Each structure stands twice: as C-alpha cells, then as structure tokens.
C-alpha cells in the first residue's frame, strides 16, 4: 500500500511539472469607456476554443483562493479562467459603487465583461460564473442581465438581494456588517449611499435578483452555509 501511495504521489508531481497555463493581464472595456482590471488564464497547450469561468470581485484578484486551482481549471479541465476587479477596485477604472453597475441598470459591467470574453479568438462563446461571497452576489446580478452567453452559475454563500439580505435584513439597517465590510474594502464613504436609502426603492431594485427571476434561464447551483449570513437568501433564490 505504501508503494502505491508513493507511486501516485510521484505521478502527481510529474504531472504538475508539465502543467502550464498562460496568464495575461488586460483592461476590459465597458460600455461607458471605463476599463476594468482583468486577469486571464488559459491552458498553454490547448488549441481549441475554450469555455470560460468568470469571477468578478471587489477583492484582490490573487486573494480570492483560486491560485492553487488555476492549473486544475486550465490545464486539467481545459477552461479559460477570467478574474475581473469590479469598477473602482484593484486597478479598475471608474468610481466604486459596489454592485450598482453589476446588474441590469444603465451600466452593466458583468454583461460587458461577457461581451469582451466571447469576442476573443480563444472563446467558445460560453461563460459560467463561479465562486463565493461578493463573487456569488455578482453572479446573481449577472444572471439578471439575461446575457445569452451566460450558460451557468455557481454562487456560493452570496446574497441575491442586497437590500433584503445584506443591508436591511427585516428592514433593519445592518450597521456592523455594512460599515465593517465597506471599511475593509477601503470605501467607507459609500456607507452614506446605503444608509440614505432605508426603504426599498429603485436603487435597490437593480440589485435584487427577484425582480428578474421570471426572466432568468441560467442554470444555477446554489451552495449555502448552514450558519452563513446569506443562507436564507440562497434558499429563497433556489425556490424562486
């Protein structure tokens, strides 16, 4: 048994030596001329067109826990991986608004990101969203844009309605959550933009997946945590 384990470990190490992906940094264009910082990872030795996994985040693009998974995603599974910083964060141009430009409003950064991806020579024309927390939220919002190339999504512990499950749960301002999160992102000035809208209105409607659920046909796998702050939201998103 020990010999078998050693042989398997050696095989894995040999495979890792030959795995190779190609990273590329680009500034992805949005419809208003703003460009968003984007990392693109592709398998070096794959010559066909690639399905793409899209991750859109306000956090550091190399700090979202995907670093060790890149060889598996690209070289083993044969996908392209695109990690994009939201508007105003981590080298992206524009003013940060935290999700207001990521849905189906006047600006639709997620929609435009897909347009850029499927225009690339390496793209198969199919994009799937993935990952957790804020990156799960961006998937819910992107699905609401009804982009025909958005083929699937895997939101993990994310809220599908910012007002109802993140900012004003039960109508009560979640002061500690909102202030700590925005402060941690370095945008404490946006706290007022949340607190000044204590009632559900058009500002929040463009960040509520339920407003578009009857139109959404993107297959989704919802992964929630039993004691996570957004577990009720994800159950509701699944039921809807």
C-alpha atoms as a PDB file:
ATOM      1  CA  UNK A   1       0.000   0.000   0.000  1.00  0.00           C
ATOM      2  CA  UNK A   2       2.807   2.414   0.861  1.00  0.00           C
ATOM      3  CA  UNK A   3       4.475   1.729  -2.502  1.00  0.00           C
ATOM      4  CA  UNK A   4       1.219   2.513  -4.311  1.00  0.00           C
ATOM      5  CA  UNK A   5       0.902   5.793  -2.402  1.00  0.00           C
ATOM      6  CA  UNK A   6       4.464   6.751  -3.271  1.00  0.00           C
ATOM      7  CA  UNK A   7       3.888   5.957  -6.943  1.00  0.00           C
ATOM      8  CA  UNK A   8       0.692   8.017  -7.002  1.00  0.00           C
ATOM      9  CA  UNK A   9       2.429  10.963  -5.336  1.00  0.00           C
ATOM     10  CA  UNK A  10       5.265  10.738  -7.840  1.00  0.00           C
ATOM     11  CA  UNK A  11       2.790  10.644 -10.721  1.00  0.00           C
ATOM     12  CA  UNK A  12       1.036  13.733  -9.410  1.00  0.00           C
ATOM     13  CA  UNK A  13       4.348  15.586  -9.072  1.00  0.00           C
ATOM     14  CA  UNK A  14       5.394  14.649 -12.607  1.00  0.00           C
ATOM     15  CA  UNK A  15       2.011  15.851 -13.922  1.00  0.00           C
ATOM     16  CA  UNK A  16       2.404  19.186 -12.122  1.00  0.00           C
ATOM     17  CA  UNK A  17       5.817  19.713 -13.728  1.00  0.00           C
ATOM     18  CA  UNK A  18       4.286  19.536 -17.183  1.00  0.00           C
ATOM     19  CA  UNK A  19       1.158  21.541 -16.402  1.00  0.00           C
ATOM     20  CA  UNK A  20       1.444  25.024 -17.805  1.00  0.00           C
ATOM     21  CA  UNK A  21      -1.023  27.879 -18.118  1.00  0.00           C
ATOM     22  CA  UNK A  22      -0.624  31.255 -19.777  1.00  0.00           C
ATOM     23  CA  UNK A  23      -1.532  34.345 -17.713  1.00  0.00           C
ATOM     24  CA  UNK A  24      -2.464  37.636 -19.328  1.00  0.00           C
ATOM     25  CA  UNK A  25      -3.446  40.991 -17.877  1.00  0.00           C
ATOM     26  CA  UNK A  26      -5.894  43.165 -19.805  1.00  0.00           C
ATOM     27  CA  UNK A  27      -8.093  46.186 -19.167  1.00  0.00           C
ATOM     28  CA  UNK A  28     -11.550  45.010 -20.168  1.00  0.00           C
ATOM     29  CA  UNK A  29     -13.676  47.701 -21.868  1.00  0.00           C
ATOM     30  CA  UNK A  30     -17.089  48.707 -20.547  1.00  0.00           C
ATOM     31  CA  UNK A  31     -19.828  50.498 -22.492  1.00  0.00           C
ATOM     32  CA  UNK A  32     -19.045  53.915 -20.976  1.00  0.00           C
ATOM     33  CA  UNK A  33     -15.324  53.752 -21.797  1.00  0.00           C
ATOM     34  CA  UNK A  34     -14.208  52.665 -18.335  1.00  0.00           C
ATOM     35  CA  UNK A  35     -11.747  49.747 -18.309  1.00  0.00           C
ATOM     36  CA  UNK A  36     -11.653  47.045 -15.658  1.00  0.00           C
ATOM     37  CA  UNK A  37      -8.518  45.218 -14.494  1.00  0.00           C
ATOM     38  CA  UNK A  38      -8.780  41.618 -15.659  1.00  0.00           C
ATOM     39  CA  UNK A  39      -6.562  38.547 -15.323  1.00  0.00           C
ATOM     40  CA  UNK A  40      -6.973  35.871 -17.985  1.00  0.00           C
ATOM     41  CA  UNK A  41      -5.588  32.355 -17.552  1.00  0.00           C
ATOM     42  CA  UNK A  42      -5.574  29.852 -20.436  1.00  0.00           C
ATOM     43  CA  UNK A  43      -4.050  26.394 -20.860  1.00  0.00           C
ATOM     44  CA  UNK A  44      -0.821  26.812 -22.827  1.00  0.00           C
ATOM     45  CA  UNK A  45      -1.031  23.559 -24.775  1.00  0.00           C
ATOM     46  CA  UNK A  46      -4.745  23.628 -25.606  1.00  0.00           C
ATOM     47  CA  UNK A  47      -5.506  24.706 -29.165  1.00  0.00           C
ATOM     48  CA  UNK A  48      -9.318  24.570 -29.265  1.00  0.00           C
ATOM     49  CA  UNK A  49     -11.862  27.190 -28.264  1.00  0.00           C
ATOM     50  CA  UNK A  50     -12.371  27.442 -24.528  1.00  0.00           C
ATOM     51  CA  UNK A  51     -15.381  27.608 -22.262  1.00  0.00           C
ATOM     52  CA  UNK A  52     -14.757  30.346 -19.689  1.00  0.00           C
ATOM     53  CA  UNK A  53     -15.195  30.559 -15.928  1.00  0.00           C
ATOM     54  CA  UNK A  54     -15.780  34.188 -14.938  1.00  0.00           C
ATOM     55  CA  UNK A  55     -15.114  35.521 -11.437  1.00  0.00           C
ATOM     56  CA  UNK A  56     -15.903  39.186 -10.730  1.00  0.00           C
ATOM     57  CA  UNK A  57     -14.701  40.562  -7.398  1.00  0.00           C
ATOM     58  CA  UNK A  58     -14.069  43.684  -5.289  1.00  0.00           C
ATOM     59  CA  UNK A  59     -11.225  41.837  -3.552  1.00  0.00           C
ATOM     60  CA  UNK A  60      -7.671  41.335  -4.761  1.00  0.00           C
ATOM     61  CA  UNK A  61      -7.700  39.115  -7.848  1.00  0.00           C
ATOM     62  CA  UNK A  62      -4.937  36.920  -6.403  1.00  0.00           C
ATOM     63  CA  UNK A  63      -6.512  36.875  -2.944  1.00  0.00           C
ATOM     64  CA  UNK A  64      -9.738  35.012  -3.679  1.00  0.00           C
ATOM     65  CA  UNK A  65      -8.430  31.483  -3.068  1.00  0.00           C
ATOM     66  CA  UNK A  66      -8.083  30.399  -6.686  1.00  0.00           C
ATOM     67  CA  UNK A  67      -4.301  30.455  -7.066  1.00  0.00           C
ATOM     68  CA  UNK A  68      -3.795  26.746  -6.406  1.00  0.00           C
ATOM     69  CA  UNK A  69      -6.795  25.803  -8.539  1.00  0.00           C
ATOM     70  CA  UNK A  70      -5.656  27.576 -11.703  1.00  0.00           C
ATOM     71  CA  UNK A  71      -3.621  24.617 -13.079  1.00  0.00           C
ATOM     72  CA  UNK A  72      -6.571  22.297 -12.480  1.00  0.00           C
ATOM     73  CA  UNK A  73      -9.084  24.673 -14.093  1.00  0.00           C
ATOM     74  CA  UNK A  74      -6.935  25.429 -17.117  1.00  0.00           C
ATOM     75  CA  UNK A  75      -4.608  22.505 -17.815  1.00  0.00           C
ATOM     76  CA  UNK A  76      -6.609  19.606 -16.393  1.00  0.00           C
ATOM     77  CA  UNK A  77     -10.164  20.686 -17.259  1.00  0.00           C
ATOM     78  CA  UNK A  78      -9.331  22.851 -20.275  1.00  0.00           C
ATOM     79  CA  UNK A  79     -11.173  26.037 -19.302  1.00  0.00           C
ATOM     80  CA  UNK A  80     -10.177  29.665 -19.532  1.00  0.00           C
ATOM     81  CA  UNK A  81     -10.373  31.479 -16.186  1.00  0.00           C
ATOM     82  CA  UNK A  82     -11.148  35.201 -16.131  1.00  0.00           C
ATOM     83  CA  UNK A  83     -10.887  37.097 -12.837  1.00  0.00           C
ATOM     84  CA  UNK A  84     -12.039  40.706 -13.049  1.00  0.00           C
ATOM     85  CA  UNK A  85     -11.968  43.501 -10.465  1.00  0.00           C
ATOM     86  CA  UNK A  86     -15.177  45.462 -10.043  1.00  0.00           C
ATOM     87  CA  UNK A  87     -15.357  49.081 -11.088  1.00  0.00           C
ATOM     88  CA  UNK A  88     -13.125  51.273  -8.919  1.00  0.00           C
ATOM     89  CA  UNK A  89     -11.319  48.380  -7.201  1.00  0.00           C
ATOM     90  CA  UNK A  90      -7.850  46.833  -7.504  1.00  0.00           C
ATOM     91  CA  UNK A  91      -6.691  48.781 -10.551  1.00  0.00           C
ATOM     92  CA  UNK A  92     -10.050  49.045 -12.330  1.00  0.00           C
ATOM     93  CA  UNK A  93     -11.059  52.465 -13.582  1.00  0.00           C
ATOM     94  CA  UNK A  94     -14.231  54.302 -12.586  1.00  0.00           C
ATOM     95  CA  UNK A  95     -15.880  55.096  -9.291  1.00  0.00           C
ATOM     96  CA  UNK A  96     -16.668  52.191  -6.971  1.00  0.00           C
ATOM     97  CA  UNK A  97     -20.350  51.666  -6.337  1.00  0.00           C
ATOM     98  CA  UNK A  98     -20.299  48.077  -5.024  1.00  0.00           C
ATOM     99  CA  UNK A  99     -22.748  46.155  -7.209  1.00  0.00           C
ATOM    100  CA  UNK A 100     -24.810  49.041  -8.640  1.00  0.00           C
ATOM    101  CA  UNK A 101     -23.100  48.674 -12.009  1.00  0.00           C
ATOM    102  CA  UNK A 102     -23.017  44.874 -11.953  1.00  0.00           C
ATOM    103  CA  UNK A 103     -26.651  44.124 -12.741  1.00  0.00           C
ATOM    104  CA  UNK A 104     -29.139  45.350 -15.316  1.00  0.00           C
ATOM    105  CA  UNK A 105     -29.044  49.122 -14.700  1.00  0.00           C
ATOM    106  CA  UNK A 106     -27.735  51.805 -17.058  1.00  0.00           C
ATOM    107  CA  UNK A 107     -24.239  50.356 -16.657  1.00  0.00           C
ATOM    108  CA  UNK A 108     -23.891  46.571 -16.906  1.00  0.00           C
ATOM    109  CA  UNK A 109     -20.277  45.681 -16.239  1.00  0.00           C
ATOM    110  CA  UNK A 110     -20.854  41.938 -15.978  1.00  0.00           C
ATOM    111  CA  UNK A 111     -22.736  41.894 -19.279  1.00  0.00           C
ATOM    112  CA  UNK A 112     -19.955  43.870 -20.951  1.00  0.00           C
ATOM    113  CA  UNK A 113     -17.328  41.532 -19.495  1.00  0.00           C
ATOM    114  CA  UNK A 114     -19.044  38.604 -21.200  1.00  0.00           C
ATOM    115  CA  UNK A 115     -19.224  40.548 -24.465  1.00  0.00           C
ATOM    116  CA  UNK A 116     -15.464  41.043 -24.299  1.00  0.00           C
ATOM    117  CA  UNK A 117     -14.808  37.382 -23.492  1.00  0.00           C
ATOM    118  CA  UNK A 118     -16.893  35.957 -26.332  1.00  0.00           C
ATOM    119  CA  UNK A 119     -15.264  38.368 -28.797  1.00  0.00           C
ATOM    120  CA  UNK A 120     -11.853  36.761 -28.160  1.00  0.00           C
ATOM    121  CA  UNK A 121     -10.454  34.265 -30.660  1.00  0.00           C
ATOM    122  CA  UNK A 122      -9.961  31.652 -27.929  1.00  0.00           C
ATOM    123  CA  UNK A 123     -13.544  31.776 -26.633  1.00  0.00           C
ATOM    124  CA  UNK A 124     -16.163  29.107 -27.315  1.00  0.00           C
ATOM    125  CA  UNK A 125     -18.917  31.645 -26.688  1.00  0.00           C
ATOM    126  CA  UNK A 126     -19.971  30.059 -23.386  1.00  0.00           C
ATOM    127  CA  UNK A 127     -19.352  31.629 -19.967  1.00  0.00           C
ATOM    128  CA  UNK A 128     -20.105  30.314 -16.487  1.00  0.00           C
ATOM    129  CA  UNK A 129     -19.857  32.235 -13.223  1.00  0.00           C
ATOM    130  CA  UNK A 130     -18.361  30.854 -10.024  1.00  0.00           C
ATOM    131  CA  UNK A 131     -17.069  31.492  -6.513  1.00  0.00           C
ATOM    132  CA  UNK A 132     -18.226  32.807  -3.166  1.00  0.00           C
ATOM    133  CA  UNK A 133     -19.452  35.762  -1.082  1.00  0.00           C
ATOM    134  CA  UNK A 134     -19.282  39.021  -3.067  1.00  0.00           C
ATOM    135  CA  UNK A 135     -18.382  36.931  -6.114  1.00  0.00           C
ATOM    136  CA  UNK A 136     -21.589  34.988  -5.569  1.00  0.00           C
ATOM    137  CA  UNK A 137     -23.536  38.257  -5.468  1.00  0.00           C
ATOM    138  CA  UNK A 138     -22.107  39.350  -8.809  1.00  0.00           C
ATOM    139  CA  UNK A 139     -23.307  36.067 -10.312  1.00  0.00           C
ATOM    140  CA  UNK A 140     -26.890  36.654  -9.197  1.00  0.00           C
ATOM    141  CA  UNK A 141     -26.791  40.139 -10.658  1.00  0.00           C
ATOM    142  CA  UNK A 142     -25.185  38.989 -13.892  1.00  0.00           C
ATOM    143  CA  UNK A 143     -27.822  36.303 -14.396  1.00  0.00           C
ATOM    144  CA  UNK A 144     -30.430  39.067 -14.238  1.00  0.00           C
ATOM    145  CA  UNK A 145     -28.967  40.720 -17.331  1.00  0.00           C
ATOM    146  CA  UNK A 146     -30.165  37.720 -19.385  1.00  0.00           C
ATOM    147  CA  UNK A 147     -26.968  37.528 -21.424  1.00  0.00           C
ATOM    148  CA  UNK A 148     -27.406  34.630 -23.885  1.00  0.00           C
ATOM    149  CA  UNK A 149     -23.779  33.500 -23.435  1.00  0.00           C
ATOM    150  CA  UNK A 150     -24.117  33.180 -19.639  1.00  0.00           C
ATOM    151  CA  UNK A 151     -24.684  29.446 -19.560  1.00  0.00           C
ATOM    152  CA  UNK A 152     -24.403  28.560 -15.863  1.00  0.00           C
ATOM    153  CA  UNK A 153     -23.546  29.927 -12.429  1.00  0.00           C
ATOM    154  CA  UNK A 154     -22.238  28.558  -9.140  1.00  0.00           C
ATOM    155  CA  UNK A 155     -22.930  31.190  -6.441  1.00  0.00           C
ATOM    156  CA  UNK A 156     -21.521  30.187  -3.053  1.00  0.00           C
ATOM    157  CA  UNK A 157     -22.703  31.912   0.154  1.00  0.00           C
ATOM    158  CA  UNK A 158     -23.917  35.039  -1.640  1.00  0.00           C
ATOM    159  CA  UNK A 159     -26.980  37.271  -1.332  1.00  0.00           C
ATOM    160  CA  UNK A 160     -29.428  37.509  -4.220  1.00  0.00           C
ATOM    161  CA  UNK A 161     -30.998  40.748  -2.921  1.00  0.00           C
ATOM    162  CA  UNK A 162     -28.648  43.315  -1.387  1.00  0.00           C
ATOM    163  CA  UNK A 163     -31.376  45.280   0.382  1.00  0.00           C
ATOM    164  CA  UNK A 164     -33.274  42.368   1.928  1.00  0.00           C
ATOM    165  CA  UNK A 165     -30.394  40.126   2.956  1.00  0.00           C
ATOM    166  CA  UNK A 166     -27.264  42.280   3.226  1.00  0.00           C
ATOM    167  CA  UNK A 167     -28.063  45.919   4.003  1.00  0.00           C
ATOM    168  CA  UNK A 168     -31.525  45.959   5.635  1.00  0.00           C
ATOM    169  CA  UNK A 169     -32.386  42.474   6.800  1.00  0.00           C
ATOM    170  CA  UNK A 170     -36.002  42.584   8.013  1.00  0.00           C
ATOM    171  CA  UNK A 171     -35.991  46.327   7.339  1.00  0.00           C
ATOM    172  CA  UNK A 172     -33.302  46.959   9.976  1.00  0.00           C
ATOM    173  CA  UNK A 173     -30.008  48.536   8.937  1.00  0.00           C
ATOM    174  CA  UNK A 174     -27.204  46.003   9.422  1.00  0.00           C
ATOM    175  CA  UNK A 175     -24.842  48.681  10.665  1.00  0.00           C
ATOM    176  CA  UNK A 176     -21.986  46.465  11.835  1.00  0.00           C
ATOM    177  CA  UNK A 177     -21.970  44.322   8.688  1.00  0.00           C
ATOM    178  CA  UNK A 178     -22.224  47.215   6.224  1.00  0.00           C
ATOM    179  CA  UNK A 179     -19.739  49.534   7.925  1.00  0.00           C
ATOM    180  CA  UNK A 180     -17.117  46.849   8.548  1.00  0.00           C
ATOM    181  CA  UNK A 181     -17.364  45.444   5.023  1.00  0.00           C
ATOM    182  CA  UNK A 182     -17.194  48.788   3.226  1.00  0.00           C
ATOM    183  CA  UNK A 183     -14.461  49.983   5.568  1.00  0.00           C
ATOM    184  CA  UNK A 184     -12.470  46.832   4.885  1.00  0.00           C
ATOM    185  CA  UNK A 185     -12.750  47.475   1.159  1.00  0.00           C
ATOM    186  CA  UNK A 186     -11.404  50.995   1.642  1.00  0.00           C
ATOM    187  CA  UNK A 187     -14.641  52.722   0.608  1.00  0.00           C
ATOM    188  CA  UNK A 188     -16.201  53.870   3.915  1.00  0.00           C
ATOM    189  CA  UNK A 189     -17.660  56.888   2.105  1.00  0.00           C
ATOM    190  CA  UNK A 190     -20.170  54.562   0.464  1.00  0.00           C
ATOM    191  CA  UNK A 191     -21.841  53.902   3.815  1.00  0.00           C
ATOM    192  CA  UNK A 192     -23.985  57.008   3.329  1.00  0.00           C
ATOM    193  CA  UNK A 193     -25.183  55.758  -0.058  1.00  0.00           C
ATOM    194  CA  UNK A 194     -26.554  52.711   1.758  1.00  0.00           C
ATOM    195  CA  UNK A 195     -27.912  54.397   4.870  1.00  0.00           C
ATOM    196  CA  UNK A 196     -29.632  57.126   2.829  1.00  0.00           C
ATOM    197  CA  UNK A 197     -31.907  54.539   1.214  1.00  0.00           C
ATOM    198  CA  UNK A 198     -33.574  52.871   4.222  1.00  0.00           C
ATOM    199  CA  UNK A 199     -36.649  51.867   2.218  1.00  0.00           C
ATOM    200  CA  UNK A 200     -36.717  49.549  -0.758  1.00  0.00           C
ATOM    201  CA  UNK A 201     -36.698  51.664  -3.905  1.00  0.00           C
ATOM    202  CA  UNK A 202     -35.410  51.728  -7.491  1.00  0.00           C
ATOM    203  CA  UNK A 203     -31.827  51.954  -6.206  1.00  0.00           C
ATOM    204  CA  UNK A 204     -32.182  48.536  -4.612  1.00  0.00           C
ATOM    205  CA  UNK A 205     -34.385  47.040  -7.332  1.00  0.00           C
ATOM    206  CA  UNK A 206     -31.438  46.776  -9.752  1.00  0.00           C
ATOM    207  CA  UNK A 207     -29.639  44.685  -7.116  1.00  0.00           C
ATOM    208  CA  UNK A 208     -32.470  42.271  -6.422  1.00  0.00           C
ATOM    209  CA  UNK A 209     -32.451  39.018  -8.381  1.00  0.00           C
ATOM    210  CA  UNK A 210     -36.159  38.528  -7.571  1.00  0.00           C
ATOM    211  CA  UNK A 211     -37.025  41.472  -9.816  1.00  0.00           C
ATOM    212  CA  UNK A 212     -35.760  39.416 -12.772  1.00  0.00           C
ATOM    213  CA  UNK A 213     -36.257  35.824 -11.628  1.00  0.00           C
ATOM    214  CA  UNK A 214     -39.113  35.227 -14.084  1.00  0.00           C
ATOM    215  CA  UNK A 215     -36.746  36.072 -16.952  1.00  0.00           C
ATOM    216  CA  UNK A 216     -33.622  34.255 -15.797  1.00  0.00           C
ATOM    217  CA  UNK A 217     -32.963  30.924 -17.501  1.00  0.00           C
ATOM    218  CA  UNK A 218     -29.349  30.433 -16.379  1.00  0.00           C
ATOM    219  CA  UNK A 219     -28.940  27.076 -14.585  1.00  0.00           C
ATOM    220  CA  UNK A 220     -27.524  27.647 -11.099  1.00  0.00           C
ATOM    221  CA  UNK A 221     -26.001  25.524  -8.375  1.00  0.00           C
ATOM    222  CA  UNK A 222     -26.550  27.375  -5.080  1.00  0.00           C
ATOM    223  CA  UNK A 223     -24.153  26.453  -2.277  1.00  0.00           C
ATOM    224  CA  UNK A 224     -25.078  27.879   1.126  1.00  0.00           C
ATOM    225  CA  UNK A 225     -23.608  27.535   4.602  1.00  0.00           C
ATOM    226  CA  UNK A 226     -25.869  26.291   7.361  1.00  0.00           C
ATOM    227  CA  UNK A 227     -24.896  29.184   9.636  1.00  0.00           C
ATOM    228  CA  UNK A 228     -23.890  31.653   6.933  1.00  0.00           C
ATOM    229  CA  UNK A 229     -25.418  35.141   6.970  1.00  0.00           C
ATOM    230  CA  UNK A 230     -26.850  34.628   3.468  1.00  0.00           C
ATOM    231  CA  UNK A 231     -28.273  31.111   3.863  1.00  0.00           C
ATOM    232  CA  UNK A 232     -31.892  32.301   3.813  1.00  0.00           C
ATOM    233  CA  UNK A 233     -31.213  34.369   0.724  1.00  0.00           C
ATOM    234  CA  UNK A 234     -29.819  31.428  -1.200  1.00  0.00           C
ATOM    235  CA  UNK A 235     -32.714  29.186  -0.230  1.00  0.00           C
ATOM    236  CA  UNK A 236     -35.094  31.877  -1.435  1.00  0.00           C
ATOM    237  CA  UNK A 237     -33.153  32.247  -4.702  1.00  0.00           C
ATOM    238  CA  UNK A 238     -33.331  28.481  -5.242  1.00  0.00           C
ATOM    239  CA  UNK A 239     -37.086  28.358  -4.554  1.00  0.00           C
ATOM    240  CA  UNK A 240     -37.763  31.292  -6.878  1.00  0.00           C
END
